Amino acid sequence: MNNSTKWFLIIAGGLVIFAVGAMMFFYLMFRSLSDYDSDIVIGSGDKIAVVELKGIILSSEDIVRQFKKYRDDRSVRGILFRVDSPGGGVVASQEIYEEVKKTRDKKKPIVVSMGSLAASGGYYVSCGANKIVANPGTLTGSIGVISQFMRYDSLMGKIGVGVNTIKSGKFKDAGNPFRQMTNDDREYFQNLMDDVHKQFIFAVETERKLSHDSVVIFADGRVFTGEQAFQMGLVDTIGTYEDAITITAQLAGIRGTPSIVKERKRVLTLFDFLFGKSKIADLLGINDDLFNQPILQYRMVHGF
């Protein structure tokens, strides 16, 4: 074999290795992008779709999208809404609640299965379902509103830094973290809280068919166990996730064992890692917890 042939084979081999490597690189980068909306089906009977809400409610977009998809899918007979959340943003919670109610009104039954925690906004979104199933030890309720404001004025004073604020109205900088909150500011925000709280109470009394006075008594932010909530009429029955599947099948008129449809969870890709979807702050939840919090929240606050 002469030298020119050797060099040709070396170059050809290098190009093949490069091409295979490039293909593998792009496969790892993009392989899960098309899986975001794909479903996995377990079983062979009539279908029940499972929509899962886990963690703090910061956005309604993904949950609303799933409800719309399964509401329009004629092969899906009913929806099981698995809620395990301390609540979150007022508007996001209201948008999910409205979508749940809209789906119910379209005659596609929805059953909520509460996990360990379905409080505040987590309870709000559950109210639009046909049935609410809680475990005995589920923490739910927490019917209230909260808004928290950071304060930096003491720290800024210690390091000798001040802030000049020019505003066009008395309340334009209400909640400014660089100054103390005035009595007028507090009254202003309290009025906002009270109005949004009334909206929550109205949704509960309407959906649970309870009197206004009875709801007001326990709508002070307290949480209740599933057993307590059942006695108070906040949930329909005590049961497990499997019990909730059975109830959903019954409401949907499914005979036998239903099949379960659920969206495939998106796998983290190299593309995500390289281009910002998996920043360390996001992976640790710091970005959501510190920077993306809604001002008004239906949320249970805990110490961990």
Protein backbone atom coordinates (compact mmCIF):
# COMPACT_ATOMS: atom_id res chain seq x y z
CA MET A 1 0.00 0.00 0.00
CA ASN A 2 1.55 3.29 -1.07
CA ASN A 3 1.58 6.47 1.02
CA SER A 4 -1.20 8.21 -0.91
CA THR A 5 -3.57 5.29 -0.25
CA LYS A 6 -2.69 5.30 3.45
CA TRP A 7 -3.37 9.03 3.73
CA PHE A 8 -6.65 8.62 1.87
CA LEU A 9 -7.79 5.90 4.28
CA ILE A 10 -6.71 7.96 7.30
CA ILE A 11 -8.57 11.05 6.08
CA ALA A 12 -11.66 9.00 5.12
CA GLY A 13 -11.66 7.30 8.51
CA GLY A 14 -11.31 10.64 10.27
CA LEU A 15 -14.25 12.07 8.33
CA VAL A 16 -16.40 9.05 9.21
CA ILE A 17 -15.52 9.37 12.90
CA PHE A 18 -16.24 13.12 12.78
CA ALA A 19 -19.60 12.55 11.08
CA VAL A 20 -20.63 9.88 13.58
CA GLY A 21 -19.53 12.11 16.47
CA ALA A 22 -21.47 15.08 15.08
CA MET A 23 -24.58 12.95 14.67
CA MET A 24 -24.31 11.71 18.26
CA PHE A 25 -23.77 15.28 19.51
CA PHE A 26 -26.90 16.62 17.81
CA TYR A 27 -28.86 13.55 18.88
CA LEU A 28 -27.97 14.19 22.52
CA MET A 29 -28.81 17.85 22.14
CA PHE A 30 -32.23 17.46 20.57
CA ARG A 31 -33.43 13.93 21.28
CA SER A 32 -36.03 14.89 23.90
CA LEU A 33 -37.40 18.02 22.29
CA SER A 34 -40.03 16.07 20.39
CA ASP A 35 -40.98 14.07 23.50
CA TYR A 36 -42.43 17.02 25.39
CA ASP A 37 -46.02 16.38 24.32
CA SER A 38 -45.83 12.63 23.74
CA ASP A 39 -47.98 10.34 25.87
CA ILE A 40 -47.32 7.00 27.46
CA VAL A 41 -50.28 4.67 27.85
CA ILE A 42 -50.44 1.98 30.52
CA GLY A 43 -53.12 -0.66 29.99
CA SER A 44 -55.54 -1.48 27.19
CA GLY A 45 -58.94 -0.31 28.43
CA ASP A 46 -60.72 2.99 27.90
CA LYS A 47 -58.43 5.90 28.66
CA ILE A 48 -58.14 8.11 31.72
CA ALA A 49 -55.62 10.95 31.46
CA VAL A 50 -53.53 11.93 34.47
CA VAL A 51 -52.49 15.59 34.84
CA GLU A 52 -49.99 16.22 37.62
CA LEU A 53 -49.51 19.48 39.51
CA LYS A 54 -46.50 19.33 41.78
CA GLY A 55 -44.72 22.08 43.69
CA ILE A 56 -45.30 25.81 43.81
CA ILE A 57 -47.73 27.22 41.23
CA LEU A 58 -45.79 29.87 39.35
CA SER A 59 -47.36 29.48 35.92
CA SER A 60 -50.58 27.98 34.58
CA GLU A 61 -49.37 27.41 31.03
CA ASP A 62 -48.35 23.75 31.18
CA ILE A 63 -51.34 22.54 33.21
CA VAL A 64 -53.82 24.50 31.07
CA ARG A 65 -52.22 23.07 27.92
CA GLN A 66 -52.68 19.52 29.17
CA PHE A 67 -56.30 20.07 30.12
CA LYS A 68 -57.07 21.53 26.70
CA LYS A 69 -55.38 18.61 24.97
CA TYR A 70 -57.19 15.92 26.92
CA ARG A 71 -60.51 17.77 26.85
CA ASP A 72 -60.42 17.74 23.05
CA ASP A 73 -59.21 14.13 22.83
CA ARG A 74 -62.30 11.96 22.36
CA SER A 75 -60.39 8.82 23.23
CA VAL A 76 -59.86 10.16 26.76
CA ARG A 77 -63.00 9.50 28.81
CA GLY A 78 -62.01 11.27 32.03
CA ILE A 79 -59.18 13.16 33.74
CA LEU A 80 -57.51 12.46 37.06
CA PHE A 81 -55.92 15.63 38.42
CA ARG A 82 -53.15 14.76 40.87
CA VAL A 83 -52.44 17.77 43.09
CA ASP A 84 -49.47 17.96 45.45
CA SER A 85 -48.82 21.66 45.94
CA PRO A 86 -48.68 24.34 48.67
CA GLY A 87 -50.24 26.78 46.19
CA GLY A 88 -48.65 29.78 44.56
CA GLY A 89 -49.59 32.73 42.39
CA VAL A 90 -53.16 33.99 42.56
CA VAL A 91 -53.63 34.48 38.82
CA ALA A 92 -51.98 31.17 37.88
CA SER A 93 -54.19 29.33 40.40
CA GLN A 94 -57.31 31.06 39.09
CA GLU A 95 -56.45 30.24 35.48
CA ILE A 96 -55.97 26.55 36.28
CA TYR A 97 -59.22 26.50 38.28
CA GLU A 98 -61.11 28.04 35.36
CA GLU A 99 -59.67 25.47 32.95
CA VAL A 100 -60.63 22.61 35.26
CA LYS A 101 -64.15 24.01 35.57
CA LYS A 102 -64.41 24.52 31.80
CA THR A 103 -63.40 20.90 31.20
CA ARG A 104 -65.93 19.68 33.77
CA ASP A 105 -68.66 21.76 32.12
CA LYS A 106 -67.81 20.13 28.78
CA LYS A 107 -69.03 16.89 30.39
CA LYS A 108 -65.60 15.33 30.71
CA PRO A 109 -65.38 14.20 34.34
CA ILE A 110 -62.46 15.37 36.47
CA VAL A 111 -61.46 13.86 39.80
CA VAL A 112 -58.82 15.43 42.01
CA SER A 113 -56.50 13.12 43.90
CA MET A 114 -54.74 15.06 46.65
CA GLY A 115 -51.22 14.05 47.61
CA SER A 116 -49.49 14.99 50.83
CA LEU A 117 -50.24 18.70 50.38
CA ALA A 118 -53.00 20.46 48.44
CA ALA A 119 -53.24 23.76 50.26
CA SER A 120 -54.20 27.32 49.38
CA GLY A 121 -53.81 27.58 45.58
CA GLY A 122 -53.49 23.79 45.56
CA TYR A 123 -56.97 23.63 47.06
CA TYR A 124 -58.29 26.44 44.86
CA VAL A 125 -57.46 24.59 41.63
CA SER A 126 -59.12 21.47 43.01
CA CYS A 127 -62.48 23.15 43.54
CA GLY A 128 -63.46 23.00 39.87
CA ALA A 129 -63.44 19.19 39.73
CA ASN A 130 -66.45 16.85 39.89
CA LYS A 131 -65.01 15.05 42.92
CA ILE A 132 -62.15 15.70 45.35
CA VAL A 133 -60.43 12.71 46.94
CA ALA A 134 -58.01 13.26 49.83
CA ASN A 135 -55.88 10.92 51.87
CA PRO A 136 -56.59 10.97 55.62
CA GLY A 137 -53.27 12.70 56.26
CA THR A 138 -53.39 15.13 53.35
CA LEU A 139 -52.92 18.75 54.41
CA THR A 140 -55.40 20.96 52.62
CA GLY A 141 -57.40 24.14 53.09
CA SER A 142 -55.24 27.18 53.90
CA ILE A 143 -57.89 29.43 52.36
CA GLY A 144 -56.15 32.77 52.44
CA VAL A 145 -53.86 35.18 50.62
CA ILE A 146 -50.32 36.30 51.39
CA SER A 147 -47.95 38.90 50.05
CA GLN A 148 -44.44 39.37 51.39
CA PHE A 149 -42.03 42.23 50.78
CA MET A 150 -38.29 42.21 51.30
CA ARG A 151 -36.75 45.09 53.27
CA TYR A 152 -33.23 46.36 52.65
CA ASP A 153 -33.39 49.79 54.27
CA SER A 154 -31.65 48.74 57.52
CA LEU A 155 -28.83 47.04 55.62
CA MET A 156 -28.45 49.97 53.23
CA GLY A 157 -28.23 52.35 56.18
CA LYS A 158 -25.43 50.34 57.76
CA ILE A 159 -23.29 50.50 54.66
CA GLY A 160 -24.09 54.15 53.99
CA VAL A 161 -26.07 53.72 50.80
CA GLY A 162 -29.40 55.44 50.10
CA VAL A 163 -31.95 55.48 47.30
CA ASN A 164 -33.61 58.54 45.79
CA THR A 165 -37.12 57.85 44.50
CA ILE A 166 -39.11 60.17 42.25
CA LYS A 167 -42.74 59.16 41.80
CA SER A 168 -45.92 60.49 40.28
CA GLY A 169 -48.39 59.17 42.84
CA LYS A 170 -48.66 58.45 46.53
CA PHE A 171 -48.67 54.67 46.14
CA LYS A 172 -46.41 54.36 43.10
CA ASP A 173 -43.55 52.95 45.18
CA ALA A 174 -45.67 51.11 47.75
CA GLY A 175 -43.74 48.01 48.75
CA ASN A 176 -40.39 49.63 47.96
CA PRO A 177 -37.78 47.47 49.75
CA PHE A 178 -35.55 50.50 50.34
CA ARG A 179 -37.91 52.23 52.78
CA GLN A 180 -40.23 51.32 55.61
CA MET A 181 -43.86 50.61 54.76
CA THR A 182 -46.20 53.39 55.89
CA ASN A 183 -49.62 52.90 57.47
CA ASP A 184 -51.22 54.03 54.23
CA ASP A 185 -49.17 51.46 52.32
CA ARG A 186 -50.33 48.71 54.69
CA GLU A 187 -53.97 49.72 54.35
CA TYR A 188 -53.61 49.80 50.55
CA PHE A 189 -52.15 46.28 50.39
CA GLN A 190 -54.59 44.95 52.98
CA ASN A 191 -57.49 46.08 50.80
CA LEU A 192 -55.96 44.16 47.88
CA MET A 193 -55.54 41.07 50.07
CA ASP A 194 -59.12 41.27 51.31
CA ASP A 195 -60.54 41.52 47.80
CA VAL A 196 -58.57 38.54 46.50
CA HIS A 197 -59.45 36.62 49.66
CA LYS A 198 -63.15 37.22 48.94
CA GLN A 199 -62.64 35.76 45.46
CA PHE A 200 -61.19 32.59 47.01
CA ILE A 201 -64.05 32.31 49.51
CA PHE A 202 -66.62 32.80 46.76
CA ALA A 203 -65.08 30.00 44.67
CA VAL A 204 -65.13 27.61 47.65
CA GLU A 205 -68.69 28.37 48.73
CA THR A 206 -69.93 28.13 45.13
CA GLU A 207 -68.17 24.91 44.15
CA ARG A 208 -68.56 23.12 47.49
CA LYS A 209 -72.14 24.35 47.95
CA LEU A 210 -71.40 25.72 51.40
CA SER A 211 -72.85 28.80 53.05
CA HIS A 212 -70.79 31.97 53.05
CA ASP A 213 -70.77 32.17 56.83
CA SER A 214 -69.55 28.60 57.25
CA VAL A 215 -66.66 29.14 54.82
CA VAL A 216 -65.61 32.43 56.44
CA ILE A 217 -65.18 30.68 59.79
CA PHE A 218 -62.34 28.46 58.54
CA ALA A 219 -61.04 30.69 55.72
CA ASP A 220 -58.32 32.15 57.92
CA GLY A 221 -55.30 30.40 56.42
CA ARG A 222 -55.50 27.25 58.56
CA VAL A 223 -54.73 23.86 57.06
CA PHE A 224 -56.74 20.75 57.82
CA THR A 225 -56.13 17.04 57.49
CA GLY A 226 -58.01 15.13 54.86
CA GLU A 227 -60.26 13.69 57.57
CA GLN A 228 -61.08 17.15 58.92
CA ALA A 229 -61.65 18.53 55.43
CA PHE A 230 -64.08 15.69 54.69
CA GLN A 231 -66.09 16.46 57.83
CA MET A 232 -66.20 20.14 56.85
CA GLY A 233 -67.33 19.44 53.29
CA LEU A 234 -64.12 20.68 51.66
CA VAL A 235 -63.49 17.30 50.00
CA ASP A 236 -65.90 14.60 48.84
CA THR A 237 -64.31 11.43 50.12
CA ILE A 238 -61.26 9.87 51.75
CA GLY A 239 -59.22 7.62 49.50
CA THR A 240 -55.95 6.85 47.79
CA TYR A 241 -54.68 7.56 44.31
CA GLU A 242 -55.98 4.15 43.18
CA ASP A 243 -59.38 4.92 44.69
CA ALA A 244 -59.43 8.17 42.71
CA ILE A 245 -58.75 6.22 39.49
CA THR A 246 -61.70 3.95 40.25
CA ILE A 247 -63.98 6.95 40.92
CA THR A 248 -62.85 8.62 37.68
CA ALA A 249 -63.62 5.45 35.73
CA GLN A 250 -67.08 5.23 37.30
CA LEU A 251 -67.91 8.85 36.46
CA ALA A 252 -66.66 8.31 32.90
CA GLY A 253 -68.78 5.18 32.46
CA ILE A 254 -65.75 2.94 31.95
CA ARG A 255 -66.26 -0.76 32.55
CA GLY A 256 -63.33 -2.83 33.66
CA THR A 257 -59.85 -1.55 34.29
CA PRO A 258 -59.07 1.74 32.53
CA SER A 259 -55.79 2.50 30.81
CA ILE A 260 -53.78 5.46 32.12
CA VAL A 261 -52.51 8.17 29.78
CA LYS A 262 -49.81 10.50 31.01
CA GLU A 263 -47.40 12.89 29.36
CA ARG A 264 -43.86 11.66 29.12
CA LYS A 265 -41.60 13.71 31.34
CA ARG A 266 -39.08 15.70 29.37
CA VAL A 267 -35.52 14.44 29.67
CA LEU A 268 -32.78 17.01 30.28
CA THR A 269 -30.81 17.40 27.07
CA LEU A 270 -27.29 18.56 26.34
CA PHE A 271 -28.91 21.48 24.52
CA ASP A 272 -30.69 22.48 27.75
CA PHE A 273 -27.49 22.20 29.73
CA LEU A 274 -25.43 24.25 27.30
CA PHE A 275 -28.00 26.94 26.58
CA GLY A 276 -29.38 27.80 29.96
CA LYS A 277 -32.27 25.44 30.81
CA SER A 278 -30.29 23.77 33.58
CA LYS A 279 -28.47 26.60 35.26
CA ILE A 280 -27.43 25.73 38.77
CA ALA A 281 -29.78 28.33 40.25
CA ASP A 282 -32.71 26.85 38.35
CA LEU A 283 -31.80 23.29 39.33
CA LEU A 284 -31.75 24.30 42.99
CA GLY A 285 -35.00 26.23 42.68
CA ILE A 286 -33.35 29.48 43.70
CA ASN A 287 -34.54 31.34 40.63
CA ASP A 288 -38.17 30.40 41.21
CA ASP A 289 -38.12 30.90 44.95
CA LEU A 290 -36.41 34.27 45.00
CA PHE A 291 -36.95 36.06 41.72
CA ASN A 292 -40.14 34.80 40.07
CA GLN A 293 -42.56 34.92 42.98
CA PRO A 294 -45.95 36.50 42.21
CA ILE A 295 -46.89 39.49 44.37
CA LEU A 296 -50.25 38.01 45.39
CA GLN A 297 -50.22 34.37 46.40
CA TYR A 298 -52.65 31.69 47.42
CA ARG A 299 -49.90 29.81 49.17
CA MET A 300 -49.27 27.96 52.39
CA VAL A 301 -46.07 29.26 53.99
CA HIS A 302 -43.92 26.75 55.86
CA GLY A 303 -40.58 26.94 57.61
CA PHE A 304 -38.51 24.75 55.33
